[in-house]
N, C-alpha and C. Protein backbone atom coordinates (compact mmCIF):
# COMPACT_ATOMS: atom_id res chain seq x y z
N MET A 1 0.86 -1.18 0.00
CA MET A 1 0.00 0.00 0.00
C MET A 1 0.90 1.24 0.00
N THR A 2 0.60 2.19 -0.86
CA THR A 2 1.41 3.41 -0.95
C THR A 2 1.09 4.36 0.20
N SER A 3 1.95 5.35 0.38
CA SER A 3 1.71 6.36 1.42
C SER A 3 0.42 7.11 1.16
N ASP A 4 0.13 7.38 -0.11
CA ASP A 4 -1.11 8.06 -0.47
C ASP A 4 -2.33 7.25 -0.02
N GLU A 5 -2.28 5.96 -0.31
CA GLU A 5 -3.39 5.09 0.06
C GLU A 5 -3.52 4.97 1.58
N LYS A 6 -2.39 4.85 2.26
CA LYS A 6 -2.43 4.77 3.72
C LYS A 6 -3.04 6.04 4.31
N LEU A 7 -2.66 7.19 3.75
CA LEU A 7 -3.19 8.46 4.26
C LEU A 7 -4.69 8.57 3.99
N MET A 8 -5.12 8.19 2.80
CA MET A 8 -6.56 8.23 2.49
C MET A 8 -7.32 7.30 3.43
N LEU A 9 -6.79 6.13 3.67
CA LEU A 9 -7.43 5.18 4.58
C LEU A 9 -7.52 5.76 5.99
N GLU A 10 -6.46 6.44 6.42
CA GLU A 10 -6.46 7.05 7.75
C GLU A 10 -7.45 8.21 7.81
N PHE A 11 -7.53 9.02 6.76
CA PHE A 11 -8.52 10.09 6.71
C PHE A 11 -9.92 9.51 6.85
N TYR A 12 -10.18 8.43 6.13
CA TYR A 12 -11.50 7.80 6.18
C TYR A 12 -11.77 7.25 7.58
N ARG A 13 -10.76 6.62 8.17
CA ARG A 13 -10.93 6.05 9.51
C ARG A 13 -11.24 7.14 10.52
N ILE A 14 -10.49 8.24 10.46
CA ILE A 14 -10.70 9.34 11.41
C ILE A 14 -12.08 9.96 11.23
N SER A 15 -12.48 10.17 9.99
CA SER A 15 -13.77 10.84 9.73
C SER A 15 -14.94 9.87 9.78
N GLN A 16 -14.66 8.59 9.78
CA GLN A 16 -15.68 7.54 9.73
C GLN A 16 -16.59 7.73 8.52
N GLY A 17 -15.99 8.21 7.42
CA GLY A 17 -16.73 8.38 6.18
C GLY A 17 -17.60 9.62 6.13
N ASP A 18 -17.55 10.46 7.16
CA ASP A 18 -18.37 11.67 7.22
C ASP A 18 -17.68 12.79 6.44
N GLN A 19 -18.30 13.22 5.35
CA GLN A 19 -17.70 14.24 4.49
C GLN A 19 -17.73 15.63 5.11
N THR A 20 -18.40 15.81 6.22
CA THR A 20 -18.45 17.12 6.88
C THR A 20 -17.46 17.20 8.05
N CYS A 21 -16.74 16.12 8.29
CA CYS A 21 -15.79 16.06 9.41
C CYS A 21 -14.44 16.60 8.97
N GLU A 22 -13.99 17.69 9.62
CA GLU A 22 -12.66 18.23 9.31
C GLU A 22 -11.61 17.33 9.94
N ILE A 23 -10.62 16.96 9.15
CA ILE A 23 -9.58 16.03 9.58
C ILE A 23 -8.27 16.80 9.73
N ASP A 24 -7.64 16.66 10.89
CA ASP A 24 -6.34 17.29 11.11
C ASP A 24 -5.29 16.41 10.45
N ILE A 25 -4.66 16.92 9.40
CA ILE A 25 -3.72 16.12 8.63
C ILE A 25 -2.48 15.74 9.44
N ARG A 26 -2.13 16.54 10.43
CA ARG A 26 -0.96 16.24 11.26
C ARG A 26 -1.20 15.00 12.10
N ILE A 27 -2.39 14.86 12.63
CA ILE A 27 -2.73 13.68 13.44
C ILE A 27 -2.74 12.43 12.56
N ALA A 28 -3.34 12.54 11.38
CA ALA A 28 -3.38 11.40 10.46
C ALA A 28 -1.97 10.97 10.08
N ALA A 29 -1.11 11.95 9.79
CA ALA A 29 0.27 11.64 9.40
C ALA A 29 1.02 10.96 10.55
N LYS A 30 0.82 11.46 11.75
CA LYS A 30 1.48 10.86 12.91
C LYS A 30 1.03 9.42 13.10
N ASN A 31 -0.26 9.17 12.90
CA ASN A 31 -0.81 7.82 13.08
C ASN A 31 -0.19 6.80 12.13
N ILE A 32 0.21 7.25 10.94
CA ILE A 32 0.77 6.31 9.97
C ILE A 32 2.28 6.47 9.79
N GLY A 33 2.90 7.38 10.56
CA GLY A 33 4.34 7.57 10.52
C GLY A 33 4.83 8.30 9.29
N LEU A 34 4.08 9.28 8.83
CA LEU A 34 4.42 10.05 7.64
C LEU A 34 5.06 11.38 8.04
N LYS A 35 6.15 11.75 7.38
CA LYS A 35 6.84 13.00 7.69
C LYS A 35 6.10 14.18 7.08
N GLU A 36 6.32 15.37 7.67
CA GLU A 36 5.58 16.57 7.28
C GLU A 36 5.78 16.96 5.83
N THR A 37 7.00 16.84 5.32
CA THR A 37 7.27 17.21 3.93
C THR A 37 6.47 16.32 2.98
N ALA A 38 6.51 15.03 3.22
CA ALA A 38 5.75 14.09 2.39
C ALA A 38 4.26 14.35 2.53
N LEU A 39 3.82 14.64 3.73
CA LEU A 39 2.41 14.90 4.00
C LEU A 39 1.90 16.05 3.14
N LYS A 40 2.62 17.16 3.13
CA LYS A 40 2.18 18.33 2.37
C LYS A 40 2.08 18.03 0.88
N ASN A 41 3.05 17.28 0.35
CA ASN A 41 3.02 16.93 -1.07
C ASN A 41 1.85 16.00 -1.39
N ILE A 42 1.63 15.02 -0.55
CA ILE A 42 0.54 14.07 -0.79
C ILE A 42 -0.81 14.78 -0.71
N VAL A 43 -1.00 15.63 0.30
CA VAL A 43 -2.28 16.35 0.44
C VAL A 43 -2.52 17.24 -0.78
N LYS A 44 -1.47 17.88 -1.26
CA LYS A 44 -1.60 18.72 -2.46
C LYS A 44 -2.09 17.89 -3.65
N HIS A 45 -1.50 16.71 -3.84
CA HIS A 45 -1.91 15.85 -4.95
C HIS A 45 -3.30 15.26 -4.75
N LEU A 46 -3.64 14.92 -3.52
CA LEU A 46 -4.99 14.39 -3.26
C LEU A 46 -6.04 15.46 -3.52
N ALA A 47 -5.71 16.72 -3.22
CA ALA A 47 -6.65 17.82 -3.50
C ALA A 47 -6.79 18.03 -5.01
N GLN A 48 -5.70 17.92 -5.74
CA GLN A 48 -5.75 18.06 -7.20
C GLN A 48 -6.56 16.94 -7.83
N ALA A 49 -6.52 15.77 -7.22
CA ALA A 49 -7.28 14.62 -7.72
C ALA A 49 -8.73 14.62 -7.25
N ASN A 50 -9.11 15.64 -6.50
CA ASN A 50 -10.47 15.79 -5.97
C ASN A 50 -10.85 14.68 -4.98
N PHE A 51 -9.88 14.23 -4.18
CA PHE A 51 -10.15 13.26 -3.13
C PHE A 51 -10.34 13.94 -1.78
N VAL A 52 -9.75 15.11 -1.63
CA VAL A 52 -9.91 15.91 -0.41
C VAL A 52 -10.04 17.38 -0.79
N VAL A 53 -10.59 18.16 0.13
CA VAL A 53 -10.66 19.61 0.00
C VAL A 53 -9.89 20.19 1.17
N LYS A 54 -8.94 21.05 0.89
CA LYS A 54 -8.15 21.66 1.95
C LYS A 54 -8.99 22.70 2.69
N VAL A 55 -8.89 22.68 4.01
CA VAL A 55 -9.55 23.65 4.87
C VAL A 55 -8.44 24.28 5.70
N GLY A 56 -7.89 25.37 5.20
CA GLY A 56 -6.74 25.96 5.88
C GLY A 56 -5.49 25.15 5.61
N GLU A 57 -4.49 25.34 6.45
CA GLU A 57 -3.22 24.66 6.26
C GLU A 57 -3.16 23.28 6.89
N THR A 58 -4.00 23.03 7.90
CA THR A 58 -3.84 21.79 8.66
C THR A 58 -5.05 20.85 8.65
N HIS A 59 -6.08 21.20 7.91
CA HIS A 59 -7.27 20.35 7.91
C HIS A 59 -7.75 20.10 6.48
N VAL A 60 -8.41 18.96 6.31
CA VAL A 60 -9.02 18.61 5.03
C VAL A 60 -10.40 18.01 5.28
N LEU A 61 -11.19 17.99 4.22
CA LEU A 61 -12.46 17.28 4.20
C LEU A 61 -12.37 16.22 3.11
N LEU A 62 -12.88 15.05 3.35
CA LEU A 62 -12.98 14.04 2.31
C LEU A 62 -14.08 14.44 1.33
N THR A 63 -13.86 14.19 0.06
CA THR A 63 -14.90 14.43 -0.93
C THR A 63 -15.64 13.12 -1.20
N LYS A 64 -16.70 13.21 -1.96
CA LYS A 64 -17.43 12.01 -2.35
C LYS A 64 -16.49 11.07 -3.12
N ASN A 65 -15.66 11.64 -3.99
CA ASN A 65 -14.69 10.83 -4.74
C ASN A 65 -13.68 10.17 -3.82
N GLY A 66 -13.26 10.89 -2.79
CA GLY A 66 -12.31 10.34 -1.82
C GLY A 66 -12.91 9.16 -1.07
N CYS A 67 -14.14 9.30 -0.63
CA CYS A 67 -14.81 8.20 0.07
C CYS A 67 -14.99 7.00 -0.86
N ARG A 68 -15.38 7.28 -2.09
CA ARG A 68 -15.58 6.21 -3.07
C ARG A 68 -14.25 5.47 -3.32
N PHE A 69 -13.16 6.23 -3.44
CA PHE A 69 -11.85 5.62 -3.64
C PHE A 69 -11.51 4.66 -2.52
N VAL A 70 -11.70 5.10 -1.29
CA VAL A 70 -11.37 4.24 -0.15
C VAL A 70 -12.24 2.99 -0.16
N LEU A 71 -13.51 3.16 -0.40
CA LEU A 71 -14.43 2.02 -0.34
C LEU A 71 -14.23 1.04 -1.49
N GLU A 72 -14.00 1.57 -2.70
CA GLU A 72 -13.87 0.68 -3.87
C GLU A 72 -12.44 0.21 -4.10
N GLU A 73 -11.52 1.12 -4.18
CA GLU A 73 -10.15 0.76 -4.54
C GLU A 73 -9.41 0.05 -3.41
N LEU A 74 -9.70 0.42 -2.19
CA LEU A 74 -9.01 -0.19 -1.06
C LEU A 74 -9.84 -1.32 -0.46
N SER A 75 -10.93 -1.67 -1.11
CA SER A 75 -11.76 -2.82 -0.76
C SER A 75 -12.22 -2.86 0.67
N LEU A 76 -12.86 -1.78 1.12
CA LEU A 76 -13.41 -1.76 2.48
C LEU A 76 -14.89 -2.01 2.45
């Protein structure tokens, strides 16, 4: 599983699939052992792919596409 996939899975776990739940990206990164530099790059790419929406510098929201990705591609 790639770091991107692990992070998306952690976002989903933290939010419990709730698209209105703001997720602190620092906590998610700490939970999976991801460094801050990698975290910022991954979040930028996930936002470009429409899997998350950035809310300020430290929080994101999962999008419908992000939830679908976790459920379908990661087989949950």
